[in-house]
Amino acid sequence: MDNEHRPAEQQPAHERKGSLLRTVRAVAWSMIGLRKGSEYQKDIERLNPIHIIVVGLLALFLLVVGLIVVVKLVT
């Protein structure tokens, strides 16, 4: 059986194809610190870790830039 027809949980982590929206939602909930255990398990099975890292770094960058802008506006 080739990788395209395997269930997501049996595919190697780097070959999983999770949606961009689901990846962004998972990163956002993780940054807030609120996450259901069942949703976390679904994300582990379906999402590509490389995509999570890229989206996480981008979100962190946007958070820092946003905080800098807020501080510049207030002071």
C-alpha atoms as a PDB file:
ATOM      1  CA  MET A   1       0.000   0.000   0.000  1.00  0.00           C
ATOM      2  CA  ASP A   2       1.463   3.379  -0.956  1.00  0.00           C
ATOM      3  CA  ASN A   3       1.547   6.378   1.398  1.00  0.00           C
ATOM      4  CA  GLU A   4      -1.277   8.308  -0.293  1.00  0.00           C
ATOM      5  CA  HIS A   5      -3.833   5.623   0.540  1.00  0.00           C
ATOM      6  CA  ARG A   6      -2.760   4.927   4.117  1.00  0.00           C
ATOM      7  CA  PRO A   7      -4.767   6.323   7.032  1.00  0.00           C
ATOM      8  CA  ALA A   8      -3.224   9.539   8.387  1.00  0.00           C
ATOM      9  CA  GLU A   9      -2.078   7.943  11.636  1.00  0.00           C
ATOM     10  CA  GLN A  10      -0.025   5.352   9.727  1.00  0.00           C
ATOM     11  CA  GLN A  11       1.763   7.827   7.479  1.00  0.00           C
ATOM     12  CA  PRO A  12       5.189   9.128   8.446  1.00  0.00           C
ATOM     13  CA  ALA A  13       4.836  12.468  10.241  1.00  0.00           C
ATOM     14  CA  HIS A  14       6.524  14.501   7.505  1.00  0.00           C
ATOM     15  CA  GLU A  15       4.153  13.145   4.824  1.00  0.00           C
ATOM     16  CA  ARG A  16       0.870  14.014   6.553  1.00  0.00           C
ATOM     17  CA  LYS A  17      -1.303  16.557   4.813  1.00  0.00           C
ATOM     18  CA  GLY A  18      -3.279  18.519   7.377  1.00  0.00           C
ATOM     19  CA  SER A  19      -5.220  21.587   6.369  1.00  0.00           C
ATOM     20  CA  LEU A  20      -3.695  25.026   6.855  1.00  0.00           C
ATOM     21  CA  LEU A  21      -6.737  26.179   8.828  1.00  0.00           C
ATOM     22  CA  ARG A  22      -6.494  23.229  11.230  1.00  0.00           C
ATOM     23  CA  THR A  23      -2.762  23.896  11.691  1.00  0.00           C
ATOM     24  CA  VAL A  24      -3.370  27.587  12.434  1.00  0.00           C
ATOM     25  CA  ARG A  25      -6.142  26.702  14.888  1.00  0.00           C
ATOM     26  CA  ALA A  26      -3.930  24.157  16.652  1.00  0.00           C
ATOM     27  CA  VAL A  27      -1.087  26.679  16.999  1.00  0.00           C
ATOM     28  CA  ALA A  28      -3.453  29.423  18.195  1.00  0.00           C
ATOM     29  CA  TRP A  29      -5.022  27.215  20.843  1.00  0.00           C
ATOM     30  CA  SER A  30      -1.572  26.071  21.933  1.00  0.00           C
ATOM     31  CA  MET A  31      -0.376  29.662  22.323  1.00  0.00           C
ATOM     32  CA  ILE A  32      -3.418  30.450  24.462  1.00  0.00           C
ATOM     33  CA  GLY A  33      -2.865  27.295  26.484  1.00  0.00           C
ATOM     34  CA  LEU A  34      -6.349  25.845  26.079  1.00  0.00           C
ATOM     35  CA  ARG A  35      -6.673  22.528  24.303  1.00  0.00           C
ATOM     36  CA  LYS A  36      -8.934  19.508  24.664  1.00  0.00           C
ATOM     37  CA  GLY A  37      -7.100  16.218  24.946  1.00  0.00           C
ATOM     38  CA  SER A  38      -9.156  14.645  22.157  1.00  0.00           C
ATOM     39  CA  GLU A  39      -8.434  17.536  19.778  1.00  0.00           C
ATOM     40  CA  TYR A  40      -4.740  17.316  20.646  1.00  0.00           C
ATOM     41  CA  GLN A  41      -4.728  13.621  19.731  1.00  0.00           C
ATOM     42  CA  LYS A  42      -6.450  14.349  16.402  1.00  0.00           C
ATOM     43  CA  ASP A  43      -3.846  17.002  15.636  1.00  0.00           C
ATOM     44  CA  ILE A  44      -0.990  14.635  16.423  1.00  0.00           C
ATOM     45  CA  GLU A  45      -2.433  12.049  14.044  1.00  0.00           C
ATOM     46  CA  ARG A  46      -3.247  14.401  11.157  1.00  0.00           C
ATOM     47  CA  LEU A  47      -0.969  17.433  11.118  1.00  0.00           C
ATOM     48  CA  ASN A  48       2.498  17.683   9.641  1.00  0.00           C
ATOM     49  CA  PRO A  49       5.029  18.715  12.315  1.00  0.00           C
ATOM     50  CA  ILE A  50       6.954  20.851   9.831  1.00  0.00           C
ATOM     51  CA  HIS A  51       3.814  22.864   9.083  1.00  0.00           C
ATOM     52  CA  ILE A  52       3.197  23.331  12.812  1.00  0.00           C
ATOM     53  CA  ILE A  53       6.729  24.649  13.329  1.00  0.00           C
ATOM     54  CA  VAL A  54       6.464  27.092  10.407  1.00  0.00           C
ATOM     55  CA  VAL A  55       3.037  28.382  11.481  1.00  0.00           C
ATOM     56  CA  GLY A  56       4.193  28.575  15.106  1.00  0.00           C
ATOM     57  CA  LEU A  57       7.256  30.656  14.231  1.00  0.00           C
ATOM     58  CA  LEU A  58       5.166  32.937  12.034  1.00  0.00           C
ATOM     59  CA  ALA A  59       2.578  33.377  14.804  1.00  0.00           C
ATOM     60  CA  LEU A  60       5.309  34.120  17.338  1.00  0.00           C
ATOM     61  CA  PHE A  61       6.847  36.705  15.002  1.00  0.00           C
ATOM     62  CA  LEU A  62       3.452  38.370  14.490  1.00  0.00           C
ATOM     63  CA  LEU A  63       2.838  38.398  18.251  1.00  0.00           C
ATOM     64  CA  VAL A  64       6.173  40.102  18.944  1.00  0.00           C
ATOM     65  CA  VAL A  65       5.659  42.651  16.146  1.00  0.00           C
ATOM     66  CA  GLY A  66       2.137  43.324  17.433  1.00  0.00           C
ATOM     67  CA  LEU A  67       3.409  43.913  20.962  1.00  0.00           C
ATOM     68  CA  ILE A  68       6.120  46.265  19.695  1.00  0.00           C
ATOM     69  CA  VAL A  69       3.529  48.243  17.714  1.00  0.00           C
ATOM     70  CA  VAL A  70       1.239  48.500  20.756  1.00  0.00           C
ATOM     71  CA  VAL A  71       4.109  49.724  22.950  1.00  0.00           C
ATOM     72  CA  LYS A  72       5.154  52.301  20.320  1.00  0.00           C
ATOM     73  CA  LEU A  73       1.566  53.581  20.065  1.00  0.00           C
ATOM     74  CA  VAL A  74       1.106  53.845  23.839  1.00  0.00           C
ATOM     75  CA  THR A  75       4.407  55.569  24.599  1.00  0.00           C
END
